């Protein structure tokens, strides 16, 4: 196995792990936010705002890994 194959395999595995972790984290965040809104509906605007910001940060991790995978794919 040469360095190109190892780099491609490593970036594919990293992207898969990041996407799986991001999907699990998003599911937990949304489920928790929906539970909180169900318990306290009058605070739904604050809860939704916090959830959306948190989801954006979670998705940013996956996007960073995707960018790095594309960067290393050309090498």
N, C-alpha and C. Protein backbone atom coordinates (compact mmCIF):
# COMPACT_ATOMS: atom_id res chain seq x y z
N UNK A 1 0.86 -1.17 0.00
CA UNK A 1 0.00 0.00 0.00
C UNK A 1 0.90 1.23 0.00
N UNK A 2 0.69 2.08 -0.97
CA UNK A 2 1.49 3.29 -1.02
C UNK A 2 0.79 4.41 -0.26
N UNK A 3 1.45 5.56 -0.23
CA UNK A 3 0.96 6.68 0.58
C UNK A 3 -0.37 7.23 0.05
N UNK A 4 -0.57 7.22 -1.25
CA UNK A 4 -1.82 7.75 -1.83
C UNK A 4 -3.01 6.90 -1.40
N UNK A 5 -2.86 5.60 -1.45
CA UNK A 5 -3.95 4.71 -1.05
C UNK A 5 -4.24 4.86 0.44
N UNK A 6 -3.21 4.95 1.25
CA UNK A 6 -3.40 5.12 2.69
C UNK A 6 -4.08 6.44 3.01
N UNK A 7 -3.70 7.50 2.30
CA UNK A 7 -4.31 8.81 2.52
C UNK A 7 -5.78 8.81 2.09
N UNK A 8 -6.08 8.18 0.96
CA UNK A 8 -7.47 8.10 0.51
C UNK A 8 -8.32 7.26 1.47
N UNK A 9 -7.78 6.16 1.92
CA UNK A 9 -8.51 5.31 2.86
C UNK A 9 -8.71 6.01 4.20
N UNK A 10 -7.69 6.68 4.68
CA UNK A 10 -7.80 7.40 5.94
C UNK A 10 -8.80 8.54 5.88
N UNK A 11 -8.81 9.28 4.78
CA UNK A 11 -9.77 10.38 4.67
C UNK A 11 -11.19 9.86 4.51
N UNK A 12 -11.37 8.73 3.84
CA UNK A 12 -12.70 8.15 3.72
C UNK A 12 -13.21 7.66 5.07
N UNK A 13 -12.35 7.04 5.85
CA UNK A 13 -12.74 6.58 7.18
C UNK A 13 -13.04 7.77 8.09
N UNK A 14 -12.23 8.81 8.02
CA UNK A 14 -12.46 10.00 8.84
C UNK A 14 -13.79 10.66 8.49
N UNK A 15 -14.11 10.72 7.21
CA UNK A 15 -15.37 11.31 6.78
C UNK A 15 -16.55 10.47 7.25
N UNK A 16 -16.42 9.16 7.17
CA UNK A 16 -17.50 8.28 7.63
C UNK A 16 -17.73 8.41 9.12
N UNK A 17 -16.66 8.46 9.90
CA UNK A 17 -16.79 8.61 11.35
C UNK A 17 -17.38 9.97 11.71
N UNK A 18 -16.94 11.02 11.03
CA UNK A 18 -17.48 12.36 11.31
C UNK A 18 -18.95 12.45 10.94
N UNK A 19 -19.34 11.86 9.81
CA UNK A 19 -20.75 11.90 9.40
C UNK A 19 -21.62 11.11 10.35
N UNK A 20 -21.14 9.94 10.77
CA UNK A 20 -21.91 9.13 11.72
C UNK A 20 -22.04 9.83 13.06
N UNK A 21 -20.95 10.39 13.56
CA UNK A 21 -20.99 11.11 14.83
C UNK A 21 -21.87 12.34 14.76
N UNK A 22 -21.83 13.03 13.63
CA UNK A 22 -22.67 14.21 13.44
C UNK A 22 -24.14 13.83 13.41
N UNK A 23 -24.48 12.73 12.75
CA UNK A 23 -25.87 12.30 12.68
C UNK A 23 -26.39 11.91 14.07
N UNK A 24 -25.58 11.22 14.84
CA UNK A 24 -25.99 10.84 16.19
C UNK A 24 -26.17 12.09 17.05
N UNK A 25 -25.22 13.01 16.97
CA UNK A 25 -25.29 14.24 17.78
C UNK A 25 -26.49 15.09 17.40
N UNK A 26 -26.78 15.20 16.11
CA UNK A 26 -27.95 15.97 15.67
C UNK A 26 -29.24 15.33 16.16
N UNK A 27 -29.31 14.02 16.10
CA UNK A 27 -30.50 13.34 16.59
C UNK A 27 -30.73 13.56 18.07
N UNK A 28 -29.67 13.48 18.84
CA UNK A 28 -29.78 13.71 20.29
C UNK A 28 -30.17 15.16 20.57
N UNK A 29 -29.55 16.11 19.85
CA UNK A 29 -29.85 17.53 20.08
C UNK A 29 -31.29 17.86 19.75
N UNK A 30 -31.78 17.37 18.62
CA UNK A 30 -33.15 17.67 18.23
C UNK A 30 -34.15 16.98 19.17
N UNK A 31 -33.87 15.74 19.54
CA UNK A 31 -34.77 15.04 20.46
C UNK A 31 -34.83 15.75 21.81
N UNK A 32 -33.69 16.21 22.29
CA UNK A 32 -33.67 16.93 23.57
C UNK A 32 -34.41 18.26 23.47
N UNK A 33 -34.25 18.95 22.36
CA UNK A 33 -34.95 20.23 22.18
C UNK A 33 -36.46 20.02 22.09
N UNK A 34 -36.89 18.98 21.39
CA UNK A 34 -38.32 18.72 21.29
C UNK A 34 -38.90 18.33 22.65
N UNK A 35 -38.14 17.57 23.43
CA UNK A 35 -38.58 17.23 24.78
C UNK A 35 -38.68 18.46 25.66
N UNK A 36 -37.73 19.36 25.53
CA UNK A 36 -37.75 20.59 26.33
C UNK A 36 -38.92 21.48 25.93
N UNK A 37 -39.20 21.55 24.63
CA UNK A 37 -40.34 22.35 24.18
C UNK A 37 -41.64 21.73 24.67
N UNK A 38 -41.71 20.41 24.70
CA UNK A 38 -42.90 19.75 25.20
C UNK A 38 -43.14 20.03 26.68
N UNK A 39 -42.06 20.15 27.44
CA UNK A 39 -42.19 20.43 28.87
C UNK A 39 -42.46 21.91 29.14
N UNK A 40 -41.93 22.79 28.31
CA UNK A 40 -42.07 24.22 28.54
C UNK A 40 -42.30 24.94 27.21
N UNK A 41 -43.52 24.92 26.70
CA UNK A 41 -43.80 25.48 25.37
C UNK A 41 -43.58 26.98 25.26
N UNK A 42 -43.69 27.70 26.36
CA UNK A 42 -43.51 29.16 26.28
C UNK A 42 -42.07 29.56 26.01
N UNK A 43 -41.13 28.66 26.22
CA UNK A 43 -39.72 28.96 25.97
C UNK A 43 -39.25 28.39 24.63
N UNK A 44 -40.19 28.09 23.74
CA UNK A 44 -39.82 27.41 22.50
C UNK A 44 -38.91 28.25 21.61
N UNK A 45 -39.07 29.57 21.59
CA UNK A 45 -38.21 30.41 20.75
C UNK A 45 -36.75 30.35 21.20
N UNK A 46 -36.52 30.44 22.51
CA UNK A 46 -35.14 30.37 23.01
C UNK A 46 -34.54 28.98 22.79
N UNK A 47 -35.36 27.95 22.99
CA UNK A 47 -34.86 26.59 22.81
C UNK A 47 -34.51 26.33 21.35
N UNK A 48 -35.38 26.76 20.45
CA UNK A 48 -35.13 26.54 19.02
C UNK A 48 -33.89 27.30 18.54
N UNK A 49 -33.72 28.52 19.05
CA UNK A 49 -32.54 29.30 18.66
C UNK A 49 -31.26 28.61 19.12
N UNK A 50 -31.26 28.16 20.35
CA UNK A 50 -30.08 27.45 20.86
C UNK A 50 -29.84 26.15 20.11
N UNK A 51 -30.91 25.44 19.78
CA UNK A 51 -30.75 24.18 19.05
C UNK A 51 -30.19 24.42 17.65
N UNK A 52 -30.66 25.44 16.98
CA UNK A 52 -30.18 25.72 15.62
C UNK A 52 -28.70 26.11 15.63
N UNK A 53 -28.30 26.91 16.60
CA UNK A 53 -26.89 27.28 16.71
C UNK A 53 -26.04 26.05 17.01
N UNK A 54 -26.51 25.21 17.91
CA UNK A 54 -25.78 23.98 18.22
C UNK A 54 -25.69 23.05 17.04
N UNK A 55 -26.78 22.91 16.28
CA UNK A 55 -26.76 22.06 15.09
C UNK A 55 -25.80 22.59 14.03
N UNK A 56 -25.69 23.91 13.92
CA UNK A 56 -24.75 24.49 12.97
C UNK A 56 -23.31 24.15 13.34
N UNK A 57 -23.00 24.19 14.64
CA UNK A 57 -21.66 23.82 15.08
C UNK A 57 -21.38 22.34 14.85
N UNK A 58 -22.38 21.50 15.08
CA UNK A 58 -22.21 20.07 14.85
C UNK A 58 -21.96 19.80 13.36
N UNK A 59 -22.72 20.44 12.49
CA UNK A 59 -22.54 20.24 11.06
C UNK A 59 -21.21 20.80 10.57
N UNK A 60 -20.70 21.83 11.23
CA UNK A 60 -19.42 22.41 10.82
C UNK A 60 -18.29 21.40 10.91
N UNK A 61 -18.34 20.54 11.91
CA UNK A 61 -17.30 19.52 12.06
C UNK A 61 -17.27 18.60 10.84
N UNK A 62 -18.44 18.16 10.40
CA UNK A 62 -18.51 17.29 9.23
C UNK A 62 -18.05 18.01 7.98
N UNK A 63 -18.39 19.27 7.85
CA UNK A 63 -17.97 20.03 6.67
C UNK A 63 -16.46 20.22 6.66
N UNK A 64 -15.86 20.45 7.83
CA UNK A 64 -14.40 20.56 7.89
C UNK A 64 -13.73 19.27 7.44
N UNK A 65 -14.23 18.14 7.88
CA UNK A 65 -13.65 16.86 7.47
C UNK A 65 -13.83 16.64 5.98
N UNK A 66 -14.99 17.04 5.43
CA UNK A 66 -15.22 16.91 4.00
C UNK A 66 -14.24 17.77 3.20
N UNK A 67 -14.00 18.98 3.66
CA UNK A 67 -13.04 19.87 2.99
C UNK A 67 -11.63 19.27 3.03
N UNK A 68 -11.23 18.74 4.18
CA UNK A 68 -9.92 18.12 4.28
C UNK A 68 -9.82 16.89 3.40
N UNK A 69 -10.90 16.11 3.30
CA UNK A 69 -10.89 14.94 2.43
C UNK A 69 -10.71 15.35 0.97
N UNK A 70 -11.38 16.42 0.55
CA UNK A 70 -11.21 16.88 -0.83
C UNK A 70 -9.80 17.46 -1.05
N UNK A 71 -9.27 18.13 -0.03
CA UNK A 71 -7.91 18.67 -0.17
C UNK A 71 -6.89 17.55 -0.34
N UNK A 72 -7.01 16.52 0.47
CA UNK A 72 -6.04 15.43 0.42
C UNK A 72 -6.28 14.48 -0.74
N UNK A 73 -7.47 14.49 -1.33
CA UNK A 73 -7.76 13.62 -2.46
C UNK A 73 -6.96 14.06 -3.69
N UNK A 74 -6.65 15.33 -3.78
CA UNK A 74 -5.88 15.84 -4.93
C UNK A 74 -4.38 15.64 -4.79
N UNK A 75 -3.92 15.16 -3.67
CA UNK A 75 -2.46 15.01 -3.46
C UNK A 75 -1.98 13.65 -3.86
